[in-house]
C-alpha atoms as a PDB file:
ATOM      1  CA  MET A   1     -25.698   4.668  -5.891  1.00  0.00           C
ATOM      2  CA  LEU A   2     -24.389   5.168  -9.315  1.00  0.00           C
ATOM      3  CA  ARG A   3     -24.324   2.903 -12.148  1.00  0.00           C
ATOM      4  CA  SER A   4     -20.560   2.384 -12.158  1.00  0.00           C
ATOM      5  CA  GLU A   5     -20.843   1.924  -8.158  1.00  0.00           C
ATOM      6  CA  SER A   6     -23.086  -1.038  -8.408  1.00  0.00           C
ATOM      7  CA  LEU A   7     -20.602  -3.518  -9.197  1.00  0.00           C
ATOM      8  CA  TRP A   8     -17.937  -2.627  -6.780  1.00  0.00           C
ATOM      9  CA  PHE A   9     -19.368  -0.801  -3.946  1.00  0.00           C
ATOM     10  CA  PRO A  10     -20.949  -3.527  -2.122  1.00  0.00           C
ATOM     11  CA  LEU A  11     -17.545  -5.412  -2.230  1.00  0.00           C
ATOM     12  CA  PHE A  12     -16.062  -2.304  -0.952  1.00  0.00           C
ATOM     13  CA  ILE A  13     -18.246  -2.044   2.155  1.00  0.00           C
ATOM     14  CA  ARG A  14     -17.728  -5.995   2.966  1.00  0.00           C
ATOM     15  CA  CYS A  15     -13.799  -5.321   2.691  1.00  0.00           C
ATOM     16  CA  CYS A  16     -14.382  -2.294   5.129  1.00  0.00           C
ATOM     17  CA  GLU A  17     -16.379  -4.392   7.515  1.00  0.00           C
ATOM     18  CA  ALA A  18     -13.617  -7.388   7.386  1.00  0.00           C
ATOM     19  CA  TYR A  19     -10.867  -4.645   8.057  1.00  0.00           C
ATOM     20  CA  LEU A  20     -12.523  -3.251  10.983  1.00  0.00           C
ATOM     21  CA  HIS A  21     -13.654  -6.571  12.594  1.00  0.00           C
ATOM     22  CA  TYR A  22     -10.418  -8.239  12.066  1.00  0.00           C
ATOM     23  CA  VAL A  23      -7.551  -5.575  11.911  1.00  0.00           C
ATOM     24  CA  MET A  24      -8.734  -2.660  13.907  1.00  0.00           C
ATOM     25  CA  ASN A  25      -9.129  -2.272  17.655  1.00  0.00           C
ATOM     26  CA  PRO A  26     -12.340  -0.496  18.988  1.00  0.00           C
ATOM     27  CA  LEU A  27     -10.055   1.630  21.034  1.00  0.00           C
ATOM     28  CA  GLU A  28      -8.146   3.314  18.019  1.00  0.00           C
ATOM     29  CA  THR A  29      -9.240   6.742  16.976  1.00  0.00           C
ATOM     30  CA  ASP A  30     -10.080   5.239  13.353  1.00  0.00           C
ATOM     31  CA  TYR A  31     -12.221   3.124  14.729  1.00  0.00           C
ATOM     32  CA  GLU A  32     -15.685   5.128  14.835  1.00  0.00           C
ATOM     33  CA  PRO A  33     -14.918   6.822  11.274  1.00  0.00           C
ATOM     34  CA  MET A  34     -14.493   3.335   9.937  1.00  0.00           C
ATOM     35  CA  GLN A  35     -17.334   2.249  11.476  1.00  0.00           C
ATOM     36  CA  ARG A  36     -19.435   4.815  10.316  1.00  0.00           C
ATOM     37  CA  VAL A  37     -17.954   4.184   6.787  1.00  0.00           C
ATOM     38  CA  THR A  38     -19.328   0.308   6.565  1.00  0.00           C
ATOM     39  CA  GLN A  39     -23.032   2.181   6.926  1.00  0.00           C
ATOM     40  CA  CYS A  40     -22.787   4.289   4.030  1.00  0.00           C
ATOM     41  CA  GLU A  41     -25.081   3.449   1.112  1.00  0.00           C
ATOM     42  CA  ASN A  42     -23.091   4.974  -1.763  1.00  0.00           C
ATOM     43  CA  PHE A  43     -19.652   6.266  -2.111  1.00  0.00           C
ATOM     44  CA  ARG A  44     -20.769  10.030  -2.074  1.00  0.00           C
ATOM     45  CA  GLN A  45     -21.674   9.434   1.442  1.00  0.00           C
ATOM     46  CA  VAL A  46     -17.912   8.024   2.219  1.00  0.00           C
ATOM     47  CA  ARG A  47     -16.341  10.948   0.651  1.00  0.00           C
ATOM     48  CA  THR A  48     -18.722  13.261   2.732  1.00  0.00           C
ATOM     49  CA  LEU A  49     -17.506  11.196   5.642  1.00  0.00           C
ATOM     50  CA  LEU A  50     -13.960  11.358   4.872  1.00  0.00           C
ATOM     51  CA  LYS A  51     -14.279  15.638   4.406  1.00  0.00           C
ATOM     52  CA  GLU A  52     -15.936  15.664   7.783  1.00  0.00           C
ATOM     53  CA  TYR A  53     -13.294  13.571   9.699  1.00  0.00           C
ATOM     54  CA  ASN A  54     -10.119  14.924   7.507  1.00  0.00           C
ATOM     55  CA  ARG A  55      -7.868  12.263   8.590  1.00  0.00           C
ATOM     56  CA  PRO A  56      -5.308  10.753   6.245  1.00  0.00           C
ATOM     57  CA  SER A  57      -5.086   7.499   7.951  1.00  0.00           C
ATOM     58  CA  VAL A  58      -8.917   6.950   7.412  1.00  0.00           C
ATOM     59  CA  ASP A  59      -8.417   8.142   3.770  1.00  0.00           C
ATOM     60  CA  PHE A  60      -5.562   6.004   3.246  1.00  0.00           C
ATOM     61  CA  ILE A  61      -7.611   3.061   4.661  1.00  0.00           C
ATOM     62  CA  VAL A  62     -10.622   3.653   2.362  1.00  0.00           C
ATOM     63  CA  HIS A  63      -8.577   4.406  -0.794  1.00  0.00           C
ATOM     64  CA  ARG A  64      -6.593   0.960  -0.360  1.00  0.00           C
ATOM     65  CA  GLU A  65      -9.894  -0.916   0.286  1.00  0.00           C
ATOM     66  CA  GLN A  66     -11.705   0.631  -2.754  1.00  0.00           C
ATOM     67  CA  VAL A  67      -8.504  -0.374  -5.178  1.00  0.00           C
ATOM     68  CA  ASP A  68      -8.978  -3.645  -3.507  1.00  0.00           C
ATOM     69  CA  ALA A  69     -12.536  -3.940  -4.518  1.00  0.00           C
ATOM     70  CA  LYS A  70     -12.118  -2.677  -7.917  1.00  0.00           C
ATOM     71  CA  LYS A  71      -9.302  -4.934  -8.552  1.00  0.00           C
ATOM     72  CA  ALA A  72     -11.352  -8.123  -7.298  1.00  0.00           C
ATOM     73  CA  ILE A  73     -14.287  -7.251  -9.770  1.00  0.00           C
ATOM     74  CA  THR A  74     -11.637  -6.682 -12.700  1.00  0.00           C
ATOM     75  CA  ARG A  75      -9.939 -10.154 -12.045  1.00  0.00           C
ATOM     76  CA  ASP A  76     -13.324 -11.945 -11.473  1.00  0.00           C
ATOM     77  CA  TYR A  77     -15.485 -10.536 -14.283  1.00  0.00           C
ATOM     78  CA  GLY A  78     -13.001  -8.467 -16.534  1.00  0.00           C
ATOM     79  CA  ILE A  79     -14.475  -5.291 -15.939  1.00  0.00           C
ATOM     80  CA  ARG A  80     -12.237  -2.349 -15.761  1.00  0.00           C
ATOM     81  CA  PHE A  81     -12.597   1.149 -13.961  1.00  0.00           C
ATOM     82  CA  ARG A  82     -11.053   4.253 -14.635  1.00  0.00           C
END
């Protein structure tokens, strides 16, 4: 994991897990890619999965959860991300 990811990436994974558990239906086509995203160890693996699946809906969910995780870290700790 990159040093810049060490703060927001664990929260990102927890957000994705919560989204998977509480929002998504196991019968949805995006369920399996999101389940695989929650098993990634760094964001590079997430990007590889996104390229593999090539689904805009999964890209959108991942981007939204990434932004939410970074906003939460910024709000709680005052650390800004580029």
